Amino acid sequence: MFLLYSFVLVIYNWLITVASLLGHNKAKKWVKGRKEQAGKLDNIPRWDNYRKIWIHAASYGEYEMAKPIISVLLTNPRNRLYVSFFSPSGYENIRFEDERIFKLYLPLDLQKNQRELVSLLKPDKVVFIKYEFWFNLLVVLNQAHIPYFFTSIHLNQDHYLWRWGLSPFRDTLRKAARLYCHNPGSMSILKKQGFTNLRLFGDTRINKALENKAEPSIDLQWTESKPTIIYGSIIPEEYQLIDQCIKGFSDCNHILAPHDVAPQDLQKLNEVLSVPISHYNSYKQTGNDIPSTHCLVINTLGDLKYLYRNATVAYIGAGFEKGPHNVIEPMIYGVPTITGPNIEKFPMAGYLKNKELLEVISSFTELKSTLRRCLEDRSNRSARIVSELEQLKVDLSQLIQELEE
């Protein structure tokens, strides 16, 4: 099974390489970043007299979940951290000025690659955020007797790991020092599959959102003060619908934040929009009032989570595709939030929907009416949203204790 898994990864690597040669932007970054890393690893800090903890995040979103853990670990002067990424969206957009952290790409998950990396890093403990399952790496860590942990893990009943013939992969998870579960449902599913190394944890994105909320605000100054709709982490399939909403809600200011902010992705948005727009980086640099276009496009990464405090209502993108991006970021400010129906693999969104705090629409045609209803809502729902999320803050003490033992 591991041979087949490795063979599939080799084919995947070949396809990525071909895509990069054909000009695919993300593939080019993926290939280039790993090539450039080969030389940098010679200068990797050894930190022999410190406790070395390796944290792996797939991309920018998973890194946001890791940040509260990193913050607590750095309060201990004995700790040094390696932080690895799989996707360029994390590696290229995260900058560490703290010399106690070293950033790297995770190589292709072949045992030879991982054995070389583990022998270089020599970590004392390894933490995987969510479900970053790199099975050859787990095998290597087991062979080296290095404990590894998973945080906020969530596996549905129909997850591929429960399929026949995949018991060797399940066994690598059973050998984890601990699986910190996202919620009781996740924990119950894992128990039914025979896992015992479990502990209830939660979603550290709530911790990070609370930290963001406590930081200095980014208060937008519009030429005209109106209710503001933010369309966060939107994808190209939604651009046409959002253009219609902007024209239909001329009595509102609008903020659009594409999930990808590379120049070619922003160009796609510009080609669809039929209304005048301003760009956030220009406003950010000058500090002038936003021109009377009433439509601001966020073309920076990392600012949206602070800008949500300006929203009257928010729509979170991709809910009609793979599933919504972070619904917690606007809701931590008490902002009524709307997303699409594909939330089965997003337990926090499901939880908030069941609490009647998150609006989940089943079709694009519902968006305008739901936006209007949220804009007119004068109930105390905002306070209830904030109160509920504050109660769900994750206690990190058990994880930190296990990592520092």
Protein backbone atom coordinates (compact mmCIF):
# COMPACT_ATOMS: atom_id res chain seq x y z
CA MET A 1 0.00 0.00 0.00
CA PHE A 2 2.83 2.40 0.84
CA LEU A 3 4.51 1.60 -2.49
CA LEU A 4 1.31 2.50 -4.35
CA TYR A 5 0.97 5.67 -2.27
CA SER A 6 4.56 6.68 -3.11
CA PHE A 7 4.01 5.93 -6.79
CA VAL A 8 0.94 8.19 -6.86
CA LEU A 9 2.98 10.97 -5.28
CA VAL A 10 5.68 10.60 -7.92
CA ILE A 11 3.01 10.96 -10.62
CA TYR A 12 1.59 13.97 -8.76
CA ASN A 13 5.04 15.55 -8.66
CA TRP A 14 5.43 14.96 -12.40
CA LEU A 15 2.04 16.57 -13.11
CA ILE A 16 2.93 19.59 -10.98
CA THR A 17 6.21 19.94 -12.86
CA VAL A 18 4.43 19.77 -16.22
CA ALA A 19 1.87 22.32 -15.04
CA SER A 20 4.68 24.67 -13.98
CA LEU A 21 6.30 24.39 -17.41
CA LEU A 22 2.93 25.27 -18.96
CA GLY A 23 2.79 28.44 -16.89
CA HIS A 24 0.44 27.50 -14.05
CA ASN A 25 1.29 30.08 -11.39
CA LYS A 26 0.81 28.00 -8.23
CA ALA A 27 2.61 25.01 -9.75
CA LYS A 28 5.54 27.24 -10.71
CA LYS A 29 5.79 28.54 -7.16
CA TRP A 30 5.51 25.01 -5.74
CA VAL A 31 8.38 23.70 -7.89
CA LYS A 32 10.58 26.78 -7.60
CA GLY A 33 10.22 26.99 -3.83
CA ARG A 34 11.36 23.42 -3.27
CA LYS A 35 14.29 23.78 -5.64
CA GLU A 36 15.47 26.90 -3.86
CA GLN A 37 15.10 25.23 -0.48
CA ALA A 38 17.67 22.52 -1.32
CA GLY A 39 20.54 24.94 -0.77
CA LYS A 40 19.01 26.69 2.23
CA LEU A 41 18.75 23.52 4.30
CA ASP A 42 22.53 23.48 4.64
CA ASN A 43 22.15 26.55 6.86
CA ILE A 44 19.33 25.20 8.98
CA PRO A 45 19.75 26.03 12.69
CA ARG A 46 20.55 22.94 14.74
CA TRP A 47 19.49 24.31 18.15
CA ASP A 48 21.12 21.36 19.88
CA ASN A 49 20.68 22.80 23.39
CA TYR A 50 16.98 23.58 22.99
CA ARG A 51 13.68 21.75 22.75
CA LYS A 52 12.88 21.58 19.02
CA ILE A 53 9.22 21.40 18.02
CA TRP A 54 8.23 21.02 14.38
CA ILE A 55 4.80 22.37 13.37
CA HIS A 56 3.41 21.55 9.94
CA ALA A 57 0.59 23.52 8.28
CA ALA A 58 -0.74 22.89 4.78
CA SER A 59 -1.23 26.51 3.82
CA TYR A 60 -2.08 29.98 5.09
CA GLY A 61 -5.41 28.92 6.63
CA GLU A 62 -3.90 26.08 8.65
CA TYR A 63 -1.09 28.37 9.77
CA GLU A 64 -3.72 30.72 11.24
CA MET A 65 -4.84 27.76 13.34
CA ALA A 66 -1.23 27.14 14.42
CA LYS A 67 -0.53 30.73 15.51
CA PRO A 68 -2.08 30.47 19.00
CA ILE A 69 -0.02 27.32 19.64
CA ILE A 70 3.15 29.01 18.37
CA SER A 71 2.52 32.07 20.54
CA VAL A 72 2.27 29.99 23.71
CA LEU A 73 5.29 27.83 22.85
CA LEU A 74 7.45 30.92 22.34
CA THR A 75 6.78 32.04 25.91
CA ASN A 76 9.12 29.24 27.00
CA PRO A 77 12.77 30.24 26.37
CA ARG A 78 13.74 26.59 25.95
CA ASN A 79 11.63 26.15 22.80
CA ARG A 80 12.70 26.54 19.18
CA LEU A 81 10.30 25.98 16.29
CA TYR A 82 10.48 24.65 12.77
CA VAL A 83 7.36 25.62 10.80
CA SER A 84 6.78 23.83 7.50
CA PHE A 85 4.26 24.39 4.71
CA PHE A 86 3.01 22.36 1.78
CA SER A 87 1.41 25.18 -0.21
CA PRO A 88 3.03 28.38 -1.51
CA SER A 89 0.08 30.32 -0.05
CA GLY A 90 1.54 29.68 3.38
CA TYR A 91 5.26 29.66 2.69
CA GLU A 92 5.40 32.80 0.57
CA ASN A 93 3.03 34.95 2.62
CA ILE A 94 4.30 34.22 6.11
CA ARG A 95 7.33 36.11 7.38
CA PHE A 96 9.08 35.24 10.62
CA GLU A 97 11.27 37.91 12.17
CA ASP A 98 11.75 35.87 15.34
CA GLU A 99 15.04 33.99 15.13
CA ARG A 100 13.55 31.19 17.21
CA ILE A 101 11.48 30.09 14.19
CA PHE A 102 12.76 28.54 10.95
CA LYS A 103 10.46 28.26 7.92
CA LEU A 104 10.65 25.52 5.32
CA TYR A 105 8.73 23.63 2.64
CA LEU A 106 7.68 20.06 3.29
CA PRO A 107 9.29 17.94 0.56
CA LEU A 108 7.45 15.38 -1.54
CA ASP A 109 6.31 12.67 0.88
CA LEU A 110 8.74 9.91 -0.07
CA GLN A 111 10.55 8.11 2.73
CA LYS A 112 13.97 9.05 1.35
CA ASN A 113 13.06 12.75 1.37
CA GLN A 114 11.51 12.64 4.81
CA ARG A 115 14.33 10.62 6.32
CA GLU A 116 16.82 13.23 5.13
CA LEU A 117 14.73 16.07 6.51
CA VAL A 118 14.11 14.43 9.89
CA SER A 119 17.83 13.69 10.26
CA LEU A 120 18.52 17.40 9.65
CA LEU A 121 15.86 18.79 11.97
CA LYS A 122 16.05 16.14 14.71
CA PRO A 123 12.80 17.43 16.26
CA ASP A 124 11.77 16.41 19.75
CA LYS A 125 8.04 16.61 18.90
CA VAL A 126 6.01 17.17 15.72
CA VAL A 127 2.57 18.80 15.44
CA PHE A 128 0.32 18.47 12.39
CA ILE A 129 -2.49 21.01 12.05
CA LYS A 130 -5.88 19.46 11.19
CA TYR A 131 -5.54 16.48 8.84
CA GLU A 132 -2.18 16.83 7.17
CA PHE A 133 -1.66 13.12 6.58
CA TRP A 134 1.80 12.50 5.13
CA PHE A 135 2.07 8.79 5.73
CA ASN A 136 5.69 8.25 4.73
CA LEU A 137 6.69 11.05 7.08
CA LEU A 138 4.72 9.36 9.85
CA VAL A 139 6.55 6.10 9.16
CA VAL A 140 9.91 7.87 9.40
CA LEU A 141 8.91 9.59 12.65
CA ASN A 142 7.86 6.24 14.10
CA GLN A 143 11.17 4.68 13.10
CA ALA A 144 13.03 7.56 14.75
CA HIS A 145 10.82 7.31 17.89
CA ILE A 146 9.74 10.95 17.56
CA PRO A 147 6.27 11.65 19.05
CA TYR A 148 3.76 13.37 16.78
CA PHE A 149 0.41 15.00 17.43
CA PHE A 150 -2.61 16.13 15.38
CA THR A 151 -4.68 19.14 16.42
CA SER A 152 -8.30 20.02 15.60
CA ILE A 153 -8.59 16.75 13.68
CA HIS A 154 -11.97 16.12 12.07
CA LEU A 155 -12.83 13.02 10.06
CA ASN A 156 -16.33 12.31 8.77
CA GLN A 157 -17.96 8.88 8.60
CA ASP A 158 -17.22 8.72 4.86
CA HIS A 159 -13.56 9.75 5.06
CA TYR A 160 -11.28 7.79 2.72
CA LEU A 161 -9.21 6.48 5.65
CA TRP A 162 -12.07 4.17 6.70
CA ARG A 163 -12.08 2.35 3.37
CA TRP A 164 -11.08 -1.26 2.98
CA GLY A 165 -7.38 -1.86 2.46
CA LEU A 166 -6.18 1.34 4.11
CA SER A 167 -5.48 -0.12 7.56
CA PRO A 168 -1.69 0.51 7.18
CA PHE A 169 -2.43 4.24 6.95
CA ARG A 170 -4.81 4.09 9.91
CA ASP A 171 -2.11 2.36 11.92
CA THR A 172 0.22 5.34 11.47
CA LEU A 173 -2.45 7.54 13.08
CA ARG A 174 -2.94 5.07 15.92
CA LYS A 175 0.76 5.47 16.69
CA ALA A 176 0.37 9.22 17.18
CA ALA A 177 1.10 10.41 20.69
CA ARG A 178 -2.28 12.15 20.69
CA LEU A 179 -5.12 13.05 18.34
CA TYR A 180 -6.66 16.29 19.58
CA CYS A 181 -10.22 16.20 18.21
CA HIS A 182 -12.15 19.12 16.76
CA ASN A 183 -15.43 18.24 18.46
CA PRO A 184 -17.29 15.38 20.23
CA GLY A 185 -18.61 14.08 16.90
CA SER A 186 -15.10 13.70 15.50
CA MET A 187 -14.01 12.01 18.70
CA SER A 188 -16.91 9.56 18.56
CA ILE A 189 -16.12 8.57 14.96
CA LEU A 190 -12.48 7.91 15.84
CA LYS A 191 -13.49 5.87 18.90
CA LYS A 192 -15.72 3.67 16.73
CA GLN A 193 -12.69 3.04 14.51
CA GLY A 194 -10.73 1.76 17.50
CA PHE A 195 -8.68 4.85 18.32
CA THR A 196 -7.85 5.44 21.98
CA ASN A 197 -5.18 8.17 21.85
CA LEU A 198 -7.83 10.91 21.79
CA ARG A 199 -8.54 14.15 23.58
CA LEU A 200 -11.25 16.74 22.98
CA PHE A 201 -9.74 20.00 21.76
CA GLY A 202 -11.71 22.40 19.56
CA ASP A 203 -10.92 24.90 16.82
CA THR A 204 -7.91 27.16 17.45
CA ARG A 205 -9.14 29.57 14.78
CA ILE A 206 -11.40 30.94 17.53
CA ASN A 207 -8.36 31.71 19.69
CA LYS A 208 -6.69 33.47 16.79
CA ALA A 209 -9.83 35.41 15.89
CA LEU A 210 -10.09 36.63 19.49
CA GLU A 211 -6.44 37.74 19.32
CA ASN A 212 -7.14 39.57 16.04
CA LYS A 213 -10.11 41.32 17.59
CA ALA A 214 -7.95 42.60 20.45
CA GLU A 215 -5.39 44.13 18.07
CA PRO A 216 -5.60 47.75 16.79
CA SER A 217 -8.49 48.16 14.40
CA ILE A 218 -8.46 49.01 10.70
CA ASP A 219 -11.30 51.50 10.42
CA LEU A 220 -12.26 52.34 6.85
CA GLN A 221 -13.25 55.90 6.04
CA TRP A 222 -15.83 55.94 3.26
CA THR A 223 -16.84 59.11 1.49
CA GLU A 224 -20.42 58.25 2.41
CA SER A 225 -21.32 56.35 5.56
CA LYS A 226 -23.59 53.45 4.61
CA PRO A 227 -24.14 49.82 5.71
CA THR A 228 -21.20 47.72 4.50
CA ILE A 229 -21.35 44.25 2.95
CA ILE A 230 -18.11 42.26 2.89
CA TYR A 231 -17.74 39.35 0.46
CA GLY A 232 -14.83 37.41 1.97
CA SER A 233 -12.58 34.79 0.35
CA ILE A 234 -14.70 34.71 -2.80
CA ILE A 235 -13.86 32.55 -5.80
CA PRO A 236 -14.37 33.20 -9.56
CA GLU A 237 -17.58 31.15 -9.71
CA GLU A 238 -19.19 33.78 -7.45
CA TYR A 239 -18.00 36.97 -9.13
CA GLN A 240 -21.02 37.38 -11.42
CA LEU A 241 -23.48 36.91 -8.57
CA ILE A 242 -21.63 39.41 -6.40
CA ASP A 243 -21.60 41.94 -9.23
CA GLN A 244 -25.40 41.65 -9.29
CA CYS A 245 -25.57 42.14 -5.52
CA ILE A 246 -23.44 45.27 -5.71
CA LYS A 247 -25.79 46.77 -8.29
CA GLY A 248 -28.84 45.59 -6.32
CA PHE A 249 -27.64 47.15 -3.05
CA SER A 250 -26.68 50.63 -4.18
CA ASP A 251 -27.59 51.83 -0.69
CA CYS A 252 -24.55 49.95 0.73
CA ASN A 253 -20.79 50.08 0.58
CA HIS A 254 -19.19 46.86 -0.67
CA ILE A 255 -15.86 45.19 0.11
CA LEU A 256 -14.68 42.29 -2.07
CA ALA A 257 -11.85 40.02 -0.92
CA PRO A 258 -10.86 37.37 -3.50
CA HIS A 259 -9.45 34.17 -2.07
CA ASP A 260 -6.46 34.54 -4.39
CA VAL A 261 -4.90 37.98 -4.78
CA ALA A 262 -2.29 37.22 -7.44
CA PRO A 263 -2.43 39.77 -10.32
CA GLN A 264 -4.02 37.30 -12.76
CA ASP A 265 -6.73 36.44 -10.21
CA LEU A 266 -7.52 40.08 -9.54
CA GLN A 267 -7.72 40.63 -13.29
CA LYS A 268 -10.45 37.96 -13.52
CA LEU A 269 -12.48 39.88 -10.94
CA ASN A 270 -11.98 43.19 -12.72
CA GLU A 271 -13.20 41.67 -15.99
CA VAL A 272 -16.48 40.54 -14.38
CA LEU A 273 -17.35 43.61 -12.31
CA SER A 274 -19.50 46.17 -14.07
CA VAL A 275 -19.15 48.81 -11.33
CA PRO A 276 -16.29 51.23 -10.59
CA ILE A 277 -13.87 49.93 -7.96
CA SER A 278 -11.05 51.10 -5.71
CA HIS A 279 -8.15 48.95 -4.50
CA TYR A 280 -7.33 48.57 -0.84
CA ASN A 281 -3.54 48.82 -1.17
CA SER A 282 -3.90 52.33 -2.64
CA TYR A 283 -6.18 53.39 0.20
CA LYS A 284 -3.86 51.77 2.76
CA GLN A 285 -0.81 53.63 1.44
CA THR A 286 -2.41 57.08 1.24
CA GLY A 287 -4.86 57.00 4.14
CA ASN A 288 -7.31 59.10 2.11
CA ASP A 289 -11.05 58.52 2.13
CA ILE A 290 -12.22 55.72 -0.11
CA PRO A 291 -13.49 57.27 -3.38
CA SER A 292 -17.24 57.34 -3.91
CA THR A 293 -17.23 54.12 -5.91
CA HIS A 294 -18.73 52.30 -2.89
CA CYS A 295 -16.80 49.18 -3.98
CA LEU A 296 -13.41 48.33 -2.48
CA VAL A 297 -11.37 45.32 -3.63
CA ILE A 298 -8.94 43.87 -1.07
CA ASN A 299 -5.79 43.10 -3.01
CA THR A 300 -3.60 42.32 0.00
CA LEU A 301 -3.21 39.16 2.10
CA GLY A 302 -3.68 39.21 5.85
CA ASP A 303 -5.81 42.36 6.23
CA LEU A 304 -9.29 40.92 5.71
CA LYS A 305 -9.51 39.44 9.21
CA TYR A 306 -9.15 42.96 10.65
CA LEU A 307 -11.40 44.63 8.10
CA TYR A 308 -14.40 42.50 9.09
CA ARG A 309 -15.00 44.87 12.00
CA ASN A 310 -16.25 47.36 9.37
CA ALA A 311 -18.94 44.97 8.12
CA THR A 312 -22.67 45.21 8.67
CA VAL A 313 -23.09 41.76 7.12
CA ALA A 314 -20.64 39.30 5.53
CA TYR A 315 -20.85 36.67 2.82
CA ILE A 316 -18.13 33.98 2.97
CA GLY A 317 -17.17 32.47 -0.37
CA ALA A 318 -16.75 28.93 -1.71
CA GLY A 319 -19.73 27.55 0.20
CA PHE A 320 -21.19 26.27 -3.09
CA GLU A 321 -17.92 24.54 -4.04
CA LYS A 322 -15.52 22.75 -1.68
CA GLY A 323 -16.91 24.55 1.33
CA PRO A 324 -16.71 27.97 3.01
CA HIS A 325 -13.54 29.61 4.13
CA ASN A 326 -13.22 30.98 7.65
CA VAL A 327 -16.66 31.99 8.94
CA ILE A 328 -15.25 32.68 12.41
CA GLU A 329 -13.31 35.80 11.39
CA PRO A 330 -16.37 38.00 10.71
CA MET A 331 -18.54 36.37 13.38
CA ILE A 332 -16.06 37.17 16.18
CA TYR A 333 -17.10 40.81 15.67
CA GLY A 334 -20.78 39.86 15.89
CA VAL A 335 -21.27 40.31 12.15
CA PRO A 336 -24.25 38.37 10.70
CA THR A 337 -22.63 35.95 8.27
CA ILE A 338 -23.91 34.06 5.22
CA THR A 339 -22.41 31.15 3.30
CA GLY A 340 -23.34 28.36 0.89
CA PRO A 341 -24.62 24.86 1.71
CA ASN A 342 -21.51 22.65 1.47
CA ILE A 343 -20.61 22.67 5.16
CA GLU A 344 -20.60 18.90 5.85
CA LYS A 345 -16.81 18.85 6.22
CA PHE A 346 -16.74 22.06 8.23
CA PRO A 347 -17.96 21.19 11.73
CA MET A 348 -17.70 24.70 13.15
CA ALA A 349 -19.93 26.05 10.37
CA GLY A 350 -22.39 23.22 11.05
CA TYR A 351 -22.35 23.95 14.77
CA LEU A 352 -23.02 27.66 14.26
CA LYS A 353 -25.79 26.90 11.77
CA ASN A 354 -27.49 24.58 14.27
CA LYS A 355 -27.29 27.37 16.85
CA GLU A 356 -29.07 29.63 14.30
CA LEU A 357 -26.10 31.98 14.32
CA LEU A 358 -24.81 31.31 10.79
CA GLU A 359 -27.01 31.83 7.72
CA VAL A 360 -26.60 28.94 5.26
CA ILE A 361 -28.31 29.43 1.90
CA SER A 362 -29.10 26.54 -0.44
CA SER A 363 -28.95 28.46 -3.74
CA PHE A 364 -27.44 31.63 -5.18
CA THR A 365 -30.94 33.03 -5.68
CA GLU A 366 -31.34 33.28 -1.89
CA LEU A 367 -28.35 35.55 -1.39
CA LYS A 368 -30.02 38.89 -2.10
CA SER A 369 -33.03 38.23 0.12
CA THR A 370 -30.82 36.90 2.94
CA LEU A 371 -28.54 39.94 2.71
CA ARG A 372 -31.56 42.22 2.92
CA ARG A 373 -32.94 40.36 5.93
CA CYS A 374 -29.59 40.53 7.74
CA LEU A 375 -29.27 44.24 6.99
CA GLU A 376 -32.70 44.87 8.47
CA ASP A 377 -32.22 42.59 11.49
CA ARG A 378 -32.44 44.57 14.72
CA SER A 379 -32.27 41.63 17.14
CA ASN A 380 -29.52 40.93 19.66
CA ARG A 381 -28.01 38.21 17.48
CA SER A 382 -24.61 39.97 17.28
CA ALA A 383 -24.14 39.69 21.03
CA ARG A 384 -25.21 36.03 20.97
CA ILE A 385 -22.70 35.26 18.20
CA VAL A 386 -19.81 36.79 20.13
CA SER A 387 -20.82 35.15 23.40
CA GLU A 388 -21.04 31.70 21.79
CA LEU A 389 -17.62 31.97 20.15
CA GLU A 390 -15.96 33.25 23.32
CA GLN A 391 -17.22 30.17 25.14
CA LEU A 392 -15.62 27.93 22.47
CA LYS A 393 -12.09 29.26 23.00
CA VAL A 394 -9.64 26.33 23.08
CA ASP A 395 -7.72 25.50 26.25
CA LEU A 396 -4.19 24.85 24.97
CA SER A 397 -2.67 23.85 28.30
CA GLN A 398 -2.85 20.06 27.84
CA LEU A 399 -1.28 20.18 24.38
CA ILE A 400 1.49 22.53 25.50
CA GLN A 401 2.20 20.34 28.51
CA GLU A 402 2.57 17.25 26.32
CA LEU A 403 4.81 19.08 23.87
CA GLU A 404 7.08 20.34 26.64
CA GLU A 405 7.35 17.13 28.64
